[in-house]
Protein backbone atom coordinates (compact mmCIF):
# COMPACT_ATOMS: atom_id res chain seq x y z
CA MET A 1 31.21 18.83 -1.05
CA ALA A 2 28.60 21.00 -3.70
CA VAL A 3 31.69 22.90 -4.79
CA VAL A 4 33.35 19.93 -5.82
CA GLN A 5 30.29 18.72 -7.99
CA GLU A 6 30.03 21.95 -9.43
CA ALA A 7 33.76 22.32 -10.56
CA PHE A 8 33.40 18.65 -11.91
CA GLU A 9 30.31 19.79 -13.77
CA LYS A 10 32.69 22.95 -15.43
CA LEU A 11 35.22 20.51 -16.67
CA ARG A 12 32.46 18.24 -17.91
CA ILE A 13 30.67 21.00 -20.26
CA ARG A 14 33.34 22.64 -21.14
CA LEU A 15 35.87 19.59 -21.70
CA SER A 16 33.05 17.44 -23.60
CA GLN A 17 33.15 20.34 -26.54
CA PRO A 18 36.52 19.92 -27.80
CA ILE A 19 37.03 16.12 -27.02
CA GLY A 20 33.65 14.81 -27.20
CA ALA A 21 31.37 13.49 -24.43
CA ALA A 22 32.60 9.97 -24.90
CA GLY A 23 36.37 11.69 -24.53
CA TYR A 24 35.61 13.30 -21.87
CA ARG A 25 34.10 9.72 -20.24
CA ALA A 26 37.56 7.94 -21.32
CA LEU A 27 39.52 10.13 -19.39
CA LEU A 28 37.33 10.71 -16.62
CA THR A 29 37.14 6.94 -16.12
CA ARG A 30 40.78 6.55 -16.23
CA ALA A 31 41.44 9.46 -13.78
CA LEU A 32 38.77 7.70 -11.36
CA THR A 33 40.58 4.54 -11.63
CA LEU A 34 44.14 5.71 -11.16
CA SER A 35 42.64 7.95 -8.22
CA THR A 36 41.22 5.03 -6.37
CA ASN A 37 44.72 3.82 -5.22
CA ASN A 38 45.13 6.11 -2.88
CA SER A 39 41.22 6.81 -1.81
CA PRO A 40 39.49 3.34 -2.34
CA TRP A 41 36.29 5.15 -1.19
CA LEU A 42 35.86 6.44 -4.91
CA GLU A 43 35.19 3.14 -6.12
CA ALA A 44 31.89 3.62 -4.91
CA ILE A 45 31.53 6.37 -7.84
CA GLN A 46 29.91 5.63 -11.33
CA ILE A 47 30.37 7.60 -13.99
CA GLU A 48 27.00 8.58 -16.36
CA LYS A 49 27.17 8.26 -20.06
CA ASP A 50 27.43 11.94 -20.45
CA GLY A 51 30.51 12.15 -17.99
CA THR A 52 28.65 13.00 -14.60
CA LEU A 53 29.42 11.23 -11.56
CA ALA A 54 26.76 9.47 -9.77
CA GLY A 55 27.09 8.73 -6.19
CA PHE A 56 29.96 11.34 -5.46
CA THR A 57 28.04 13.28 -3.14
CA GLU A 58 26.83 10.45 -1.18
CA ALA A 59 30.66 8.86 -1.12
CA ALA A 60 32.37 11.73 -0.40
CA ALA A 61 29.99 12.44 2.70
CA SER A 62 30.93 9.03 4.31
CA GLN A 63 34.23 10.34 4.47
CA SER A 64 36.31 12.91 6.62
CA LEU A 65 36.78 15.88 4.86
CA SER A 66 40.34 15.82 4.30
CA SER A 67 39.84 12.08 2.58
CA ALA A 68 36.74 13.61 0.49
CA ILE A 69 39.08 16.44 -0.56
CA GLU A 70 42.08 14.08 -0.84
CA GLY A 71 40.21 11.96 -3.12
CA SER A 72 38.19 14.78 -5.46
CA VAL A 73 41.85 16.46 -5.90
CA GLU A 74 43.37 13.52 -6.91
CA ILE A 75 40.40 12.97 -9.34
CA VAL A 76 41.01 16.33 -10.87
CA THR A 77 44.86 15.87 -11.00
CA HIS A 78 44.67 12.88 -12.83
CA LEU A 79 41.93 14.20 -15.35
CA ILE A 80 44.12 17.41 -16.38
CA GLU A 81 47.55 15.15 -16.21
CA LEU A 82 45.51 12.62 -18.81
CA LEU A 83 44.22 15.70 -20.57
CA GLU A 84 47.76 17.23 -21.12
CA THR A 85 48.91 14.07 -21.86
CA PHE A 86 46.88 13.89 -25.19
CA VAL A 87 46.21 17.32 -26.25
CA GLY A 88 49.38 18.95 -24.78
CA ARG A 89 50.03 21.27 -22.35
CA GLU A 90 49.24 24.61 -24.11
CA LEU A 91 45.81 23.65 -25.23
CA SER A 92 44.86 22.19 -21.95
CA LEU A 93 45.90 25.23 -20.48
CA ARG A 94 43.87 27.33 -23.05
CA LEU A 95 40.59 25.12 -22.39
CA LEU A 96 40.80 25.00 -18.68
CA ALA A 97 41.36 28.87 -18.61
CA ASP A 98 38.20 29.11 -19.82
CA ILE A 99 36.89 27.84 -16.31
CA TRP A 100 39.84 28.37 -13.97
CA PRO A 101 41.20 31.56 -15.04
CA ILE A 102 44.84 31.30 -14.84
CA PRO A 103 47.54 34.33 -14.75
CA VAL A 104 49.58 34.34 -18.17
CA ASP A 105 53.08 34.62 -15.94
CA GLU A 106 51.50 31.11 -14.24
CA MET A 107 50.99 29.52 -17.60
CA GLY A 108 54.56 29.86 -18.47
CA THR A 109 55.78 30.59 -22.13
CA LYS A 110 57.93 28.52 -24.93
CA GLU A 111 61.08 30.68 -23.23
CA ASP A 112 60.42 29.48 -19.96
CA SER A 113 59.75 25.52 -21.19
CA ASN A 114 63.11 25.74 -23.68
CA GLY A 115 65.55 27.27 -21.01
């Protein structure tokens, strides 16, 4: 689960720049809350003031690998969806492309979104 922790750290560092540590923490808090509906084990995780996840590794280790992965994916999915809601798809993709390069043809274009 070290890879997952590293992914969260990359997100925290990148997204805290444009939206601030408090903004990132707010999005992550909401994403974590939404994720606990399907993965109750996530309730054991705390979010530090700087947006780091406290207790994630320990909580994930107490789950099956598939449950740990599912819960992790849920948090990231909700986080990205919330980011897109607040700053829009285009800016979200640009921000995320810095840490997870996305081929241009997969990002879509304005022509794609207009039909």
